[in-house]
Amino acid sequence: MRSEVYGKRDPNMERLCASVLAHSDGQTAIDIAWVPRDAASYKSLMDSLITVLSDELPALPLYIPQEIFRDFTGLSESELPEMLEKRLLRIRRVILFIRPDISSDTIFKAITWMAENVDTGFSLPDVTKHCYLNRYYFSSLFHEATGIRYCDYAKIMKVERAKILLTGPSRKQTVAIAATLGFRDPQYFSDMFREVTGVRPAKYQYDVEDDLKNYLPRLAKKKETCLQEGAAAEN
């Protein structure tokens, strides 16, 4: 894949974009000539990267948080690349989790399958059946390849997916999410979610929605403060 956006070049951002794209299946050569620092251009580039990556990594959209899709409106010229870098790093962390850099082809394929089928509520027998391995050998192989136990990896994967289901455009409630991810007992799911994140699903949902609701007002207030400070400095 070759991507070109005409304007001012930013070598550091080029390397980061290339690093993100390097975890996809396509060609990773990238030549980005940086666009002028404006919100619309940055949003366009981010959307293009997500589209390319989603085509090559079908599971990726299942784990991309809502804040990644926010407009860059309200950010200053110096803040724009900082925000883009944070979002690219977030995407790279997601990719490394659902497509880890491990030597075991069997476990790599298992994790890819898990990531793509998380909404089926898979269990260990489902994964081992897909890999044609018994559960004991698979569990040992998984721990050897990743450094963590299968049950812990699956737990984190389902919690990460739950975060998206809690806060995405078609947000769901805890009971429905628990059922989607294969938990018969919503309370057990809630306990597990708190174990991983530190908060209950309902609290996580409220906090994210509150942050999204106040995002633009905070930026507007910040901009107003900067203008006032600038005016005061001139006087």
C-alpha atoms as a PDB file:
ATOM      1  CA  MET A   1       0.000   0.000   0.000  1.00  0.00           C
ATOM      2  CA  ARG A   2       1.202   3.450  -0.807  1.00  0.00           C
ATOM      3  CA  SER A   3      -0.473   6.471   0.755  1.00  0.00           C
ATOM      4  CA  GLU A   4       0.158  10.051  -0.330  1.00  0.00           C
ATOM      5  CA  VAL A   5      -1.175  13.228   1.228  1.00  0.00           C
ATOM      6  CA  TYR A   6       0.335  16.366  -0.190  1.00  0.00           C
ATOM      7  CA  GLY A   7       1.747  19.108   1.969  1.00  0.00           C
ATOM      8  CA  LYS A   8       4.422  19.485   4.616  1.00  0.00           C
ATOM      9  CA  ARG A   9       6.349  16.323   5.568  1.00  0.00           C
ATOM     10  CA  ASP A  10       6.598  15.147   9.146  1.00  0.00           C
ATOM     11  CA  PRO A  11       9.169  12.294   9.398  1.00  0.00           C
ATOM     12  CA  ASN A  12       8.209  11.344  12.957  1.00  0.00           C
ATOM     13  CA  MET A  13       4.556  10.945  12.061  1.00  0.00           C
ATOM     14  CA  GLU A  14       5.463   9.061   8.903  1.00  0.00           C
ATOM     15  CA  ARG A  15       7.373   6.523  10.975  1.00  0.00           C
ATOM     16  CA  LEU A  16       4.463   6.142  13.372  1.00  0.00           C
ATOM     17  CA  CYS A  17       1.950   5.657  10.562  1.00  0.00           C
ATOM     18  CA  ALA A  18       4.272   3.118   8.959  1.00  0.00           C
ATOM     19  CA  SER A  19       4.613   1.351  12.302  1.00  0.00           C
ATOM     20  CA  VAL A  20       0.841   1.095  12.617  1.00  0.00           C
ATOM     21  CA  LEU A  21       0.446  -0.181   9.065  1.00  0.00           C
ATOM     22  CA  ALA A  22       3.314  -2.633   9.504  1.00  0.00           C
ATOM     23  CA  HIS A  23       1.012  -4.931  11.466  1.00  0.00           C
ATOM     24  CA  SER A  24      -1.400  -5.356   8.574  1.00  0.00           C
ATOM     25  CA  ASP A  25      -1.236  -7.983   5.825  1.00  0.00           C
ATOM     26  CA  GLY A  26      -0.698  -5.544   2.996  1.00  0.00           C
ATOM     27  CA  GLN A  27       2.422  -3.816   1.683  1.00  0.00           C
ATOM     28  CA  THR A  28       3.695  -1.452   4.340  1.00  0.00           C
ATOM     29  CA  ALA A  29       5.666   1.056   2.285  1.00  0.00           C
ATOM     30  CA  ILE A  30       4.236   4.454   3.033  1.00  0.00           C
ATOM     31  CA  ASP A  31       5.073   7.908   1.759  1.00  0.00           C
ATOM     32  CA  ILE A  32       3.092  10.559   3.624  1.00  0.00           C
ATOM     33  CA  ALA A  33       3.702  14.171   2.754  1.00  0.00           C
ATOM     34  CA  TRP A  34       2.021  15.933   5.640  1.00  0.00           C
ATOM     35  CA  VAL A  35      -1.061  18.046   5.043  1.00  0.00           C
ATOM     36  CA  PRO A  36      -1.407  21.511   6.578  1.00  0.00           C
ATOM     37  CA  ARG A  37      -2.233  21.303  10.251  1.00  0.00           C
ATOM     38  CA  ASP A  38      -6.000  21.608  10.223  1.00  0.00           C
ATOM     39  CA  ALA A  39      -8.662  19.459  11.837  1.00  0.00           C
ATOM     40  CA  ALA A  40     -10.340  18.282   8.620  1.00  0.00           C
ATOM     41  CA  SER A  41      -7.080  17.015   7.092  1.00  0.00           C
ATOM     42  CA  TYR A  42      -6.109  15.134  10.232  1.00  0.00           C
ATOM     43  CA  LYS A  43      -9.565  13.552  10.485  1.00  0.00           C
ATOM     44  CA  SER A  44      -9.397  12.512   6.840  1.00  0.00           C
ATOM     45  CA  LEU A  45      -6.014  10.854   7.308  1.00  0.00           C
ATOM     46  CA  MET A  46      -7.158   9.028  10.443  1.00  0.00           C
ATOM     47  CA  ASP A  47     -10.299   7.775   8.694  1.00  0.00           C
ATOM     48  CA  SER A  48      -8.234   6.572   5.731  1.00  0.00           C
ATOM     49  CA  LEU A  49      -5.836   4.639   7.963  1.00  0.00           C
ATOM     50  CA  ILE A  50      -8.681   2.976   9.842  1.00  0.00           C
ATOM     51  CA  THR A  51     -10.375   2.023   6.565  1.00  0.00           C
ATOM     52  CA  VAL A  52      -7.210   0.430   5.188  1.00  0.00           C
ATOM     53  CA  LEU A  53      -6.465  -1.406   8.415  1.00  0.00           C
ATOM     54  CA  SER A  54     -10.048  -2.600   8.823  1.00  0.00           C
ATOM     55  CA  ASP A  55     -10.012  -4.081   5.334  1.00  0.00           C
ATOM     56  CA  GLU A  56      -6.915  -6.091   6.213  1.00  0.00           C
ATOM     57  CA  LEU A  57      -7.748  -6.793   9.885  1.00  0.00           C
ATOM     58  CA  PRO A  58     -11.479  -7.621  10.022  1.00  0.00           C
ATOM     59  CA  ALA A  59     -11.509  -7.753  13.827  1.00  0.00           C
ATOM     60  CA  LEU A  60     -10.056  -4.252  14.289  1.00  0.00           C
ATOM     61  CA  PRO A  61     -13.360  -2.301  14.240  1.00  0.00           C
ATOM     62  CA  LEU A  62     -14.605  -4.483  17.111  1.00  0.00           C
ATOM     63  CA  TYR A  63     -11.992  -2.959  19.423  1.00  0.00           C
ATOM     64  CA  ILE A  64     -11.629   0.656  18.277  1.00  0.00           C
ATOM     65  CA  PRO A  65     -12.949   3.048  20.978  1.00  0.00           C
ATOM     66  CA  GLN A  66     -15.253   5.927  20.121  1.00  0.00           C
ATOM     67  CA  GLU A  67     -12.709   8.607  20.983  1.00  0.00           C
ATOM     68  CA  ILE A  68     -10.596   7.515  18.018  1.00  0.00           C
ATOM     69  CA  PHE A  69     -13.338   8.789  15.697  1.00  0.00           C
ATOM     70  CA  ARG A  70     -13.679  12.205  17.289  1.00  0.00           C
ATOM     71  CA  ASP A  71     -13.153  15.258  15.142  1.00  0.00           C
ATOM     72  CA  PHE A  72      -9.969  17.228  15.723  1.00  0.00           C
ATOM     73  CA  THR A  73     -12.058  20.396  15.997  1.00  0.00           C
ATOM     74  CA  GLY A  74     -10.922  22.883  18.614  1.00  0.00           C
ATOM     75  CA  LEU A  75      -7.291  21.777  18.773  1.00  0.00           C
ATOM     76  CA  SER A  76      -4.473  24.214  18.107  1.00  0.00           C
ATOM     77  CA  GLU A  77      -1.871  23.689  15.391  1.00  0.00           C
ATOM     78  CA  SER A  78       0.605  22.341  17.941  1.00  0.00           C
ATOM     79  CA  GLU A  79      -1.998  20.076  19.580  1.00  0.00           C
ATOM     80  CA  LEU A  80      -3.163  18.416  16.352  1.00  0.00           C
ATOM     81  CA  PRO A  81      -0.114  16.162  15.788  1.00  0.00           C
ATOM     82  CA  GLU A  82       0.004  15.313  19.498  1.00  0.00           C
ATOM     83  CA  MET A  83      -3.595  14.107  19.418  1.00  0.00           C
ATOM     84  CA  LEU A  84      -3.055  12.183  16.181  1.00  0.00           C
ATOM     85  CA  GLU A  85      -0.015  10.490  17.700  1.00  0.00           C
ATOM     86  CA  LYS A  86      -2.023   9.438  20.767  1.00  0.00           C
ATOM     87  CA  ARG A  87      -4.729   7.945  18.575  1.00  0.00           C
ATOM     88  CA  LEU A  88      -2.249   6.126  16.348  1.00  0.00           C
ATOM     89  CA  LEU A  89      -0.523   4.668  19.390  1.00  0.00           C
ATOM     90  CA  ARG A  90      -3.899   3.538  20.704  1.00  0.00           C
ATOM     91  CA  ILE A  91      -4.627   1.783  17.416  1.00  0.00           C
ATOM     92  CA  ARG A  92      -1.198   0.164  17.425  1.00  0.00           C
ATOM     93  CA  ARG A  93      -1.804  -1.223  20.933  1.00  0.00           C
ATOM     94  CA  VAL A  94      -5.114  -2.697  19.770  1.00  0.00           C
ATOM     95  CA  ILE A  95      -3.467  -4.288  16.746  1.00  0.00           C
ATOM     96  CA  LEU A  96      -0.660  -5.789  18.800  1.00  0.00           C
ATOM     97  CA  PHE A  97      -3.244  -7.338  21.107  1.00  0.00           C
ATOM     98  CA  ILE A  98      -5.444  -8.917  18.437  1.00  0.00           C
ATOM     99  CA  ARG A  99      -2.492  -9.673  16.143  1.00  0.00           C
ATOM    100  CA  PRO A 100       0.478 -10.280  18.444  1.00  0.00           C
ATOM    101  CA  ASP A 101       4.060 -10.679  17.319  1.00  0.00           C
ATOM    102  CA  ILE A 102       4.608 -14.298  18.406  1.00  0.00           C
ATOM    103  CA  SER A 103       6.519 -17.206  16.884  1.00  0.00           C
ATOM    104  CA  SER A 104       3.779 -19.845  17.251  1.00  0.00           C
ATOM    105  CA  ASP A 105       1.682 -19.924  14.112  1.00  0.00           C
ATOM    106  CA  THR A 106      -0.935 -22.049  15.885  1.00  0.00           C
ATOM    107  CA  ILE A 107      -1.450 -19.568  18.723  1.00  0.00           C
ATOM    108  CA  PHE A 108      -1.307 -16.627  16.321  1.00  0.00           C
ATOM    109  CA  LYS A 109      -4.177 -18.156  14.339  1.00  0.00           C
ATOM    110  CA  ALA A 110      -6.028 -18.963  17.572  1.00  0.00           C
ATOM    111  CA  ILE A 111      -5.853 -15.355  18.776  1.00  0.00           C
ATOM    112  CA  THR A 112      -6.901 -14.056  15.368  1.00  0.00           C
ATOM    113  CA  TRP A 113      -9.903 -16.380  15.453  1.00  0.00           C
ATOM    114  CA  MET A 114     -10.753 -15.333  19.021  1.00  0.00           C
ATOM    115  CA  ALA A 115     -10.606 -11.644  18.108  1.00  0.00           C
ATOM    116  CA  GLU A 116     -12.851 -12.091  15.081  1.00  0.00           C
ATOM    117  CA  ASN A 117     -15.361 -14.296  16.930  1.00  0.00           C
ATOM    118  CA  VAL A 118     -15.510 -12.543  20.294  1.00  0.00           C
ATOM    119  CA  ASP A 119     -19.218 -11.761  19.858  1.00  0.00           C
ATOM    120  CA  THR A 120     -20.027 -15.475  19.608  1.00  0.00           C
ATOM    121  CA  GLY A 121     -19.188 -15.916  23.290  1.00  0.00           C
ATOM    122  CA  PHE A 122     -16.442 -18.446  22.561  1.00  0.00           C
ATOM    123  CA  SER A 123     -15.046 -20.700  25.260  1.00  0.00           C
ATOM    124  CA  LEU A 124     -11.847 -22.722  25.546  1.00  0.00           C
ATOM    125  CA  PRO A 125     -13.416 -25.822  23.905  1.00  0.00           C
ATOM    126  CA  ASP A 126     -14.432 -23.665  20.925  1.00  0.00           C
ATOM    127  CA  VAL A 127     -10.880 -22.391  20.484  1.00  0.00           C
ATOM    128  CA  THR A 128      -9.229 -25.800  20.892  1.00  0.00           C
ATOM    129  CA  LYS A 129     -11.703 -27.309  18.425  1.00  0.00           C
ATOM    130  CA  HIS A 130     -10.708 -24.645  15.912  1.00  0.00           C
ATOM    131  CA  CYS A 131      -7.025 -25.473  16.480  1.00  0.00           C
ATOM    132  CA  TYR A 132      -7.498 -29.294  16.556  1.00  0.00           C
ATOM    133  CA  LEU A 133      -5.673 -29.516  19.893  1.00  0.00           C
ATOM    134  CA  ASN A 134      -6.637 -30.834  23.305  1.00  0.00           C
ATOM    135  CA  ARG A 135      -7.206 -28.173  25.952  1.00  0.00           C
ATOM    136  CA  TYR A 136      -4.198 -29.063  28.086  1.00  0.00           C
ATOM    137  CA  TYR A 137      -1.656 -28.945  25.285  1.00  0.00           C
ATOM    138  CA  PHE A 138      -3.249 -25.796  23.859  1.00  0.00           C
ATOM    139  CA  SER A 139      -3.161 -24.028  27.231  1.00  0.00           C
ATOM    140  CA  SER A 140       0.496 -24.913  27.679  1.00  0.00           C
ATOM    141  CA  LEU A 141       1.364 -23.803  24.153  1.00  0.00           C
ATOM    142  CA  PHE A 142      -0.580 -20.564  24.599  1.00  0.00           C
ATOM    143  CA  HIS A 143       1.240 -19.647  27.796  1.00  0.00           C
ATOM    144  CA  GLU A 144       4.599 -20.486  26.248  1.00  0.00           C
ATOM    145  CA  ALA A 145       3.905 -18.318  23.175  1.00  0.00           C
ATOM    146  CA  THR A 146       2.351 -15.278  24.873  1.00  0.00           C
ATOM    147  CA  GLY A 147       3.668 -15.328  28.432  1.00  0.00           C
ATOM    148  CA  ILE A 148       0.178 -15.244  29.928  1.00  0.00           C
ATOM    149  CA  ARG A 149      -2.540 -17.833  30.462  1.00  0.00           C
ATOM    150  CA  TYR A 150      -5.255 -18.379  27.895  1.00  0.00           C
ATOM    151  CA  CYS A 151      -7.978 -17.596  30.440  1.00  0.00           C
ATOM    152  CA  ASP A 152      -6.406 -14.230  31.253  1.00  0.00           C
ATOM    153  CA  TYR A 153      -5.939 -13.320  27.589  1.00  0.00           C
ATOM    154  CA  ALA A 154      -9.537 -14.245  26.782  1.00  0.00           C
ATOM    155  CA  LYS A 155     -10.755 -12.300  29.800  1.00  0.00           C
ATOM    156  CA  ILE A 156      -8.944  -9.131  28.707  1.00  0.00           C
ATOM    157  CA  MET A 157     -10.117  -9.561  25.115  1.00  0.00           C
ATOM    158  CA  LYS A 158     -13.747  -9.828  26.185  1.00  0.00           C
ATOM    159  CA  VAL A 159     -13.442  -6.841  28.502  1.00  0.00           C
ATOM    160  CA  GLU A 160     -11.908  -4.753  25.700  1.00  0.00           C
ATOM    161  CA  ARG A 161     -14.796  -5.738  23.455  1.00  0.00           C
ATOM    162  CA  ALA A 162     -17.260  -4.975  26.261  1.00  0.00           C
ATOM    163  CA  LYS A 163     -15.866  -1.434  26.510  1.00  0.00           C
ATOM    164  CA  ILE A 164     -16.809  -0.851  22.867  1.00  0.00           C
ATOM    165  CA  LEU A 165     -20.273  -2.357  23.297  1.00  0.00           C
ATOM    166  CA  LEU A 166     -20.840  -0.159  26.348  1.00  0.00           C
ATOM    167  CA  THR A 167     -19.872   3.082  24.638  1.00  0.00           C
ATOM    168  CA  GLY A 168     -20.293   2.646  20.872  1.00  0.00           C
ATOM    169  CA  PRO A 169     -23.081   4.091  18.702  1.00  0.00           C
ATOM    170  CA  SER A 170     -25.279   1.034  19.439  1.00  0.00           C
ATOM    171  CA  ARG A 171     -24.421   0.944  23.130  1.00  0.00           C
ATOM    172  CA  LYS A 172     -25.836  -1.938  25.128  1.00  0.00           C
ATOM    173  CA  GLN A 173     -26.527  -2.613  28.780  1.00  0.00           C
ATOM    174  CA  THR A 174     -24.519  -4.980  30.973  1.00  0.00           C
ATOM    175  CA  VAL A 175     -26.947  -7.916  30.807  1.00  0.00           C
ATOM    176  CA  ALA A 176     -27.030  -7.901  26.995  1.00  0.00           C
ATOM    177  CA  ILE A 177     -23.251  -7.562  26.727  1.00  0.00           C
ATOM    178  CA  ALA A 178     -22.686 -10.425  29.152  1.00  0.00           C
ATOM    179  CA  ALA A 179     -24.892 -12.659  27.013  1.00  0.00           C
ATOM    180  CA  THR A 180     -23.157 -11.590  23.797  1.00  0.00           C
ATOM    181  CA  LEU A 181     -19.735 -12.432  25.224  1.00  0.00           C
ATOM    182  CA  GLY A 182     -20.795 -15.819  26.553  1.00  0.00           C
ATOM    183  CA  PHE A 183     -21.453 -15.123  30.243  1.00  0.00           C
ATOM    184  CA  ARG A 184     -24.610 -16.682  31.659  1.00  0.00           C
ATOM    185  CA  ASP A 185     -24.312 -14.732  34.903  1.00  0.00           C
ATOM    186  CA  PRO A 186     -24.277 -10.918  34.422  1.00  0.00           C
ATOM    187  CA  GLN A 187     -22.973 -10.470  37.964  1.00  0.00           C
ATOM    188  CA  TYR A 188     -19.959 -12.674  37.231  1.00  0.00           C
ATOM    189  CA  PHE A 189     -19.303 -10.639  34.084  1.00  0.00           C
ATOM    190  CA  SER A 190     -19.595  -7.394  36.062  1.00  0.00           C
ATOM    191  CA  ASP A 191     -17.160  -8.688  38.673  1.00  0.00           C
ATOM    192  CA  MET A 192     -14.693  -9.706  35.965  1.00  0.00           C
ATOM    193  CA  PHE A 193     -15.000  -6.316  34.264  1.00  0.00           C
ATOM    194  CA  ARG A 194     -14.234  -4.555  37.546  1.00  0.00           C
ATOM    195  CA  GLU A 195     -11.283  -6.887  38.157  1.00  0.00           C
ATOM    196  CA  VAL A 196      -9.728  -5.827  34.845  1.00  0.00           C
ATOM    197  CA  THR A 197     -10.707  -2.139  34.724  1.00  0.00           C
ATOM    198  CA  GLY A 198     -11.242  -1.182  38.358  1.00  0.00           C
ATOM    199  CA  VAL A 199     -14.873  -0.124  37.813  1.00  0.00           C
ATOM    200  CA  ARG A 200     -18.238  -1.733  37.113  1.00  0.00           C
ATOM    201  CA  PRO A 201     -19.540  -1.692  33.508  1.00  0.00           C
ATOM    202  CA  ALA A 202     -22.253   0.881  34.305  1.00  0.00           C
ATOM    203  CA  LYS A 203     -19.706   3.238  35.865  1.00  0.00           C
ATOM    204  CA  TYR A 204     -17.352   2.825  32.903  1.00  0.00           C
ATOM    205  CA  GLN A 205     -20.207   3.586  30.508  1.00  0.00           C
ATOM    206  CA  TYR A 206     -21.208   6.696  32.458  1.00  0.00           C
ATOM    207  CA  ASP A 207     -17.631   8.008  32.664  1.00  0.00           C
ATOM    208  CA  VAL A 208     -17.003   7.622  28.926  1.00  0.00           C
ATOM    209  CA  GLU A 209     -20.325   9.186  27.949  1.00  0.00           C
ATOM    210  CA  ASP A 210     -19.690  12.084  30.325  1.00  0.00           C
ATOM    211  CA  ASP A 211     -16.246  12.610  28.817  1.00  0.00           C
ATOM    212  CA  LEU A 212     -17.628  12.575  25.265  1.00  0.00           C
ATOM    213  CA  LYS A 213     -20.414  15.007  26.208  1.00  0.00           C
ATOM    214  CA  ASN A 214     -17.994  17.492  27.734  1.00  0.00           C
ATOM    215  CA  TYR A 215     -15.164  17.097  25.213  1.00  0.00           C
ATOM    216  CA  LEU A 216     -15.967  20.057  22.942  1.00  0.00           C
ATOM    217  CA  PRO A 217     -17.012  22.398  25.809  1.00  0.00           C
ATOM    218  CA  ARG A 218     -13.670  21.681  27.485  1.00  0.00           C
ATOM    219  CA  LEU A 219     -11.801  22.493  24.296  1.00  0.00           C
ATOM    220  CA  ALA A 220     -13.785  25.712  23.831  1.00  0.00           C
ATOM    221  CA  LYS A 221     -13.059  26.785  27.394  1.00  0.00           C
ATOM    222  CA  LYS A 222      -9.387  25.933  26.966  1.00  0.00           C
ATOM    223  CA  LYS A 223      -9.206  27.985  23.780  1.00  0.00           C
ATOM    224  CA  GLU A 224     -10.914  30.926  25.456  1.00  0.00           C
ATOM    225  CA  THR A 225      -8.462  30.765  28.353  1.00  0.00           C
ATOM    226  CA  CYS A 226      -5.491  30.736  25.965  1.00  0.00           C
ATOM    227  CA  LEU A 227      -6.852  33.765  24.103  1.00  0.00           C
ATOM    228  CA  GLN A 228      -7.350  35.647  27.365  1.00  0.00           C
ATOM    229  CA  GLU A 229      -3.836  34.782  28.518  1.00  0.00           C
ATOM    230  CA  GLY A 230      -2.468  35.909  25.149  1.00  0.00           C
ATOM    231  CA  ALA A 231      -4.315  39.206  25.361  1.00  0.00           C
ATOM    232  CA  ALA A 232      -3.100  39.748  28.911  1.00  0.00           C
ATOM    233  CA  ALA A 233       0.493  39.067  27.873  1.00  0.00           C
ATOM    234  CA  GLU A 234       0.247  41.647  25.079  1.00  0.00           C
ATOM    235  CA  ASN A 235      -1.000  44.251  27.547  1.00  0.00           C
END
